[in-house]
Every structure is written in C-alpha cells, then in structure tokens.
C-alpha cells in the first residue's frame, strides 16, 4: 500500500476497534471495551520500535503485538498526574 493511501486510511480510523478491524486483527470486544487506551498506548510503543519507513505490514505487526501485550498484561504503567494538586483549571 502506498504511504499516502495508508495515511489517509489511518486518518479515517477513530477508535481502537477501527484499527483492529482495518488491520484484520481478531479481538474480543468484551476485553477491548475497558482497555482501548491501553491497546493504543501499547500500539504506539510497538510501532515506535520498528524501523522506518513503516508500511501497512509494520502497522499490522505492531497492532498484533500490542493486542498480545494487552492480553498477557504487559502494559505501560500510567504516569501519575499532578492534577490532584493543581487548581489552575478550576475556572
């Protein structure tokens, strides 16, 4: 797939499930429902570890790795937020 076409296709995807469907990755909707952000974070990490240029197959591989990591619990830890100590947004 040409990079321009891939970029256009990726821009049209709006959910983790859209990515999984687009790349033909089988998934359990009940597992995915509470873990969408985790999957996308794992996907970003897996994709970043792959050499450029990244084509369709690299994206698909990264998404498969991300979903596998999600299933086995190999996830990035969430960074703590300082919002509990901040009141700048309280307008």
N, C-alpha and C. Protein backbone atom coordinates (compact mmCIF):
# COMPACT_ATOMS: atom_id res chain seq x y z
N UNK A 1 0.85 -1.17 0.00
CA UNK A 1 0.00 0.00 0.00
C UNK A 1 0.90 1.24 0.00
N UNK A 2 0.54 2.21 -0.81
CA UNK A 2 1.31 3.45 -0.89
C UNK A 2 1.19 4.23 0.42
N UNK A 3 2.27 4.90 0.84
CA UNK A 3 2.25 5.65 2.11
C UNK A 3 1.12 6.68 2.18
N UNK A 4 0.83 7.33 1.07
CA UNK A 4 -0.23 8.35 1.08
C UNK A 4 -1.60 7.72 1.33
N UNK A 5 -1.84 6.58 0.70
CA UNK A 5 -3.12 5.89 0.90
C UNK A 5 -3.25 5.38 2.33
N UNK A 6 -2.13 4.86 2.88
CA UNK A 6 -2.15 4.39 4.25
C UNK A 6 -2.43 5.54 5.21
N UNK A 7 -1.80 6.68 4.97
CA UNK A 7 -2.01 7.84 5.84
C UNK A 7 -3.47 8.30 5.80
N UNK A 8 -4.07 8.30 4.64
CA UNK A 8 -5.48 8.69 4.51
C UNK A 8 -6.37 7.69 5.23
N UNK A 9 -6.08 6.41 5.05
CA UNK A 9 -6.87 5.37 5.72
C UNK A 9 -6.75 5.48 7.23
N UNK A 10 -5.53 5.67 7.74
CA UNK A 10 -5.33 5.79 9.18
C UNK A 10 -6.04 7.00 9.74
N UNK A 11 -6.06 8.08 9.00
CA UNK A 11 -6.72 9.30 9.47
C UNK A 11 -8.23 9.11 9.62
N UNK A 12 -8.78 8.15 8.91
CA UNK A 12 -10.23 7.92 8.98
C UNK A 12 -10.63 7.02 10.15
N UNK A 13 -9.65 6.40 10.81
CA UNK A 13 -9.94 5.50 11.92
C UNK A 13 -10.12 6.30 13.20
N UNK A 14 -11.18 6.01 13.95
CA UNK A 14 -11.48 6.85 15.11
C UNK A 14 -11.53 6.09 16.44
N UNK A 15 -11.32 4.78 16.42
CA UNK A 15 -11.36 4.03 17.68
C UNK A 15 -10.37 2.87 17.61
N UNK A 16 -10.06 2.33 18.76
CA UNK A 16 -9.17 1.17 18.80
C UNK A 16 -9.76 0.02 17.97
N UNK A 17 -11.06 -0.15 18.09
CA UNK A 17 -11.72 -1.22 17.32
C UNK A 17 -11.61 -0.96 15.82
N UNK A 18 -11.68 0.30 15.40
CA UNK A 18 -11.49 0.63 13.98
C UNK A 18 -10.12 0.16 13.50
N UNK A 19 -9.08 0.42 14.32
CA UNK A 19 -7.73 -0.02 13.96
C UNK A 19 -7.67 -1.54 13.85
N UNK A 20 -8.22 -2.22 14.84
CA UNK A 20 -8.19 -3.68 14.84
C UNK A 20 -8.92 -4.24 13.62
N UNK A 21 -10.08 -3.70 13.31
CA UNK A 21 -10.85 -4.15 12.14
C UNK A 21 -10.09 -3.87 10.84
N UNK A 22 -9.54 -2.67 10.72
CA UNK A 22 -8.83 -2.26 9.50
C UNK A 22 -7.65 -3.19 9.21
N UNK A 23 -6.90 -3.54 10.25
CA UNK A 23 -5.72 -4.38 10.07
C UNK A 23 -6.02 -5.87 10.20
N UNK A 24 -7.30 -6.22 10.37
CA UNK A 24 -7.70 -7.62 10.40
C UNK A 24 -7.20 -8.38 11.62
N UNK A 25 -7.11 -7.68 12.74
CA UNK A 25 -6.68 -8.32 13.98
C UNK A 25 -7.91 -8.80 14.74
N UNK A 26 -7.98 -10.09 14.99
CA UNK A 26 -9.11 -10.64 15.75
C UNK A 26 -9.01 -10.20 17.20
N UNK A 27 -10.15 -9.86 17.79
CA UNK A 27 -10.16 -9.40 19.18
C UNK A 27 -11.48 -9.74 19.84
N UNK A 28 -11.46 -9.75 21.16
CA UNK A 28 -12.65 -9.99 21.95
C UNK A 28 -13.20 -8.62 22.38
N UNK A 29 -14.40 -8.25 21.92
CA UNK A 29 -14.96 -6.94 22.27
C UNK A 29 -15.10 -6.71 23.77
N UNK A 30 -15.36 -7.77 24.52
CA UNK A 30 -15.50 -7.61 25.97
C UNK A 30 -14.17 -7.29 26.64
N UNK A 31 -13.09 -7.79 26.10
CA UNK A 31 -11.76 -7.46 26.62
C UNK A 31 -11.39 -6.04 26.20
N UNK A 32 -11.74 -5.68 24.99
CA UNK A 32 -11.35 -4.37 24.46
C UNK A 32 -12.08 -3.21 25.11
N UNK A 33 -13.33 -3.39 25.46
CA UNK A 33 -14.15 -2.28 25.94
C UNK A 33 -13.47 -1.44 27.03
N UNK A 34 -12.92 -2.04 28.08
CA UNK A 34 -12.29 -1.21 29.12
C UNK A 34 -10.81 -0.94 28.87
N UNK A 35 -10.24 -1.43 27.76
CA UNK A 35 -8.80 -1.34 27.57
C UNK A 35 -8.38 -0.68 26.27
N UNK A 36 -9.22 0.16 25.73
CA UNK A 36 -8.91 0.81 24.45
C UNK A 36 -7.64 1.66 24.53
N UNK A 37 -7.55 2.47 25.55
CA UNK A 37 -6.39 3.35 25.68
C UNK A 37 -5.12 2.53 25.89
N UNK A 38 -5.22 1.49 26.68
CA UNK A 38 -4.07 0.62 26.90
C UNK A 38 -3.58 0.02 25.58
N UNK A 39 -4.52 -0.45 24.76
CA UNK A 39 -4.14 -1.02 23.47
C UNK A 39 -3.43 0.03 22.61
N UNK A 40 -3.97 1.23 22.55
CA UNK A 40 -3.37 2.26 21.71
C UNK A 40 -2.00 2.68 22.22
N UNK A 41 -1.83 2.70 23.54
CA UNK A 41 -0.51 3.01 24.10
C UNK A 41 0.48 1.91 23.76
N UNK A 42 0.06 0.66 23.87
CA UNK A 42 0.93 -0.46 23.50
C UNK A 42 1.25 -0.42 22.01
N UNK A 43 0.27 -0.07 21.20
CA UNK A 43 0.46 0.03 19.75
C UNK A 43 1.50 1.10 19.43
N UNK A 44 1.39 2.24 20.06
CA UNK A 44 2.34 3.33 19.82
C UNK A 44 3.75 2.88 20.19
N UNK A 45 3.89 2.19 21.33
CA UNK A 45 5.20 1.71 21.77
C UNK A 45 5.76 0.70 20.77
N UNK A 46 4.95 -0.25 20.33
CA UNK A 46 5.41 -1.28 19.39
C UNK A 46 5.79 -0.65 18.05
N UNK A 47 4.99 0.29 17.59
CA UNK A 47 5.26 0.94 16.32
C UNK A 47 6.55 1.76 16.38
N UNK A 48 6.78 2.43 17.49
CA UNK A 48 7.99 3.25 17.65
C UNK A 48 9.26 2.41 17.62
N UNK A 49 9.15 1.13 17.95
CA UNK A 49 10.33 0.26 17.97
C UNK A 49 10.67 -0.30 16.59
N UNK A 50 9.82 -0.03 15.60
CA UNK A 50 10.03 -0.58 14.26
C UNK A 50 10.75 0.44 13.38
N UNK A 51 11.61 -0.06 12.49
CA UNK A 51 12.36 0.86 11.63
C UNK A 51 11.45 1.54 10.61
N UNK A 52 11.88 2.71 10.23
CA UNK A 52 11.15 3.45 9.19
C UNK A 52 11.74 3.07 7.84
N UNK A 53 11.04 3.19 6.74
CA UNK A 53 9.64 3.61 6.67
C UNK A 53 8.72 2.47 7.11
N UNK A 54 7.63 2.85 7.72
CA UNK A 54 6.66 1.88 8.23
C UNK A 54 5.47 1.80 7.30
N UNK A 55 5.25 0.64 6.77
CA UNK A 55 4.13 0.42 5.87
C UNK A 55 3.01 -0.33 6.56
N UNK A 56 2.08 -0.78 5.76
CA UNK A 56 0.90 -1.49 6.26
C UNK A 56 1.29 -2.68 7.14
N UNK A 57 2.25 -3.49 6.68
CA UNK A 57 2.61 -4.69 7.43
C UNK A 57 3.24 -4.36 8.78
N UNK A 58 4.01 -3.28 8.86
CA UNK A 58 4.59 -2.86 10.14
C UNK A 58 3.49 -2.43 11.10
N UNK A 59 2.52 -1.68 10.61
CA UNK A 59 1.40 -1.25 11.46
C UNK A 59 0.61 -2.46 11.95
N UNK A 60 0.38 -3.41 11.05
CA UNK A 60 -0.37 -4.61 11.43
C UNK A 60 0.39 -5.42 12.48
N UNK A 61 1.69 -5.58 12.28
CA UNK A 61 2.50 -6.31 13.24
C UNK A 61 2.49 -5.62 14.60
N UNK A 62 2.65 -4.29 14.59
CA UNK A 62 2.64 -3.52 15.85
C UNK A 62 1.31 -3.68 16.57
N UNK A 63 0.22 -3.68 15.83
CA UNK A 63 -1.10 -3.82 16.45
C UNK A 63 -1.29 -5.23 17.01
N UNK A 64 -0.83 -6.24 16.30
CA UNK A 64 -0.89 -7.61 16.82
C UNK A 64 -0.07 -7.73 18.11
N UNK A 65 1.14 -7.15 18.12
CA UNK A 65 1.97 -7.18 19.32
C UNK A 65 1.29 -6.44 20.47
N UNK A 66 0.68 -5.31 20.16
CA UNK A 66 0.01 -4.51 21.19
C UNK A 66 -1.16 -5.28 21.80
N UNK A 67 -1.94 -5.95 20.98
CA UNK A 67 -3.08 -6.71 21.49
C UNK A 67 -2.59 -7.90 22.31
N UNK A 68 -1.54 -8.57 21.84
CA UNK A 68 -0.97 -9.68 22.61
C UNK A 68 -0.48 -9.19 23.97
N UNK A 69 0.22 -8.05 23.99
CA UNK A 69 0.70 -7.49 25.26
C UNK A 69 -0.46 -7.15 26.17
N UNK A 70 -1.54 -6.64 25.61
CA UNK A 70 -2.71 -6.33 26.41
C UNK A 70 -3.28 -7.61 27.06
N UNK A 71 -3.33 -8.68 26.29
CA UNK A 71 -3.87 -9.94 26.80
C UNK A 71 -3.03 -10.55 27.92
N UNK A 72 -1.70 -10.39 27.81
CA UNK A 72 -0.84 -11.00 28.83
C UNK A 72 -0.50 -10.03 29.96
N UNK A 73 -1.02 -8.80 29.86
CA UNK A 73 -0.82 -7.83 30.93
C UNK A 73 0.50 -7.10 30.87
N UNK A 74 1.18 -7.13 29.74
CA UNK A 74 2.44 -6.43 29.56
C UNK A 74 2.15 -5.02 29.03
N UNK A 75 1.74 -4.13 29.94
CA UNK A 75 1.29 -2.80 29.55
C UNK A 75 2.18 -1.72 30.15
N UNK A 76 2.21 -0.59 29.48
CA UNK A 76 2.95 0.55 30.01
C UNK A 76 2.27 1.04 31.28
N UNK A 77 3.06 1.36 32.30
CA UNK A 77 2.44 1.92 33.51
C UNK A 77 1.91 3.32 33.22
N UNK A 78 0.82 3.67 33.85
CA UNK A 78 0.27 5.02 33.69
C UNK A 78 1.09 5.99 34.51
N UNK A 79 1.41 7.11 33.92
CA UNK A 79 2.15 8.15 34.62
C UNK A 79 1.21 8.83 35.61
N UNK A 80 1.74 9.15 36.77
CA UNK A 80 0.90 9.83 37.74
C UNK A 80 0.65 11.26 37.29
N UNK A 81 -0.47 11.76 37.65
CA UNK A 81 -0.88 13.11 37.27
C UNK A 81 -0.73 14.04 38.46
N UNK A 82 -0.39 15.26 38.16
CA UNK A 82 -0.28 16.26 39.21
C UNK A 82 -1.57 17.06 39.37
N UNK A 83 -2.62 16.64 38.68
CA UNK A 83 -3.87 17.38 38.71
C UNK A 83 -4.50 17.45 40.11
N UNK A 84 -4.24 16.48 40.94
CA UNK A 84 -4.81 16.49 42.29
C UNK A 84 -4.30 17.65 43.11
N UNK A 85 -3.15 18.15 42.75
CA UNK A 85 -2.53 19.25 43.49
C UNK A 85 -2.63 20.57 42.75
N UNK A 86 -3.34 20.60 41.67
CA UNK A 86 -3.41 21.78 40.81
C UNK A 86 -4.83 22.35 40.83
N UNK A 87 -4.96 23.63 40.77
CA UNK A 87 -6.28 24.25 40.67
C UNK A 87 -6.34 25.28 39.56
N UNK A 88 -5.38 25.25 38.64
CA UNK A 88 -5.34 26.22 37.54
C UNK A 88 -6.50 26.07 36.59
N UNK A 89 -7.04 24.90 36.46
CA UNK A 89 -8.14 24.66 35.51
C UNK A 89 -9.52 24.92 36.13
N UNK A 90 -9.57 25.24 37.39
CA UNK A 90 -10.84 25.45 38.07
C UNK A 90 -11.37 26.85 37.81
N UNK A 91 -11.93 27.02 36.63
CA UNK A 91 -12.50 28.33 36.28
C UNK A 91 -14.01 28.31 36.35
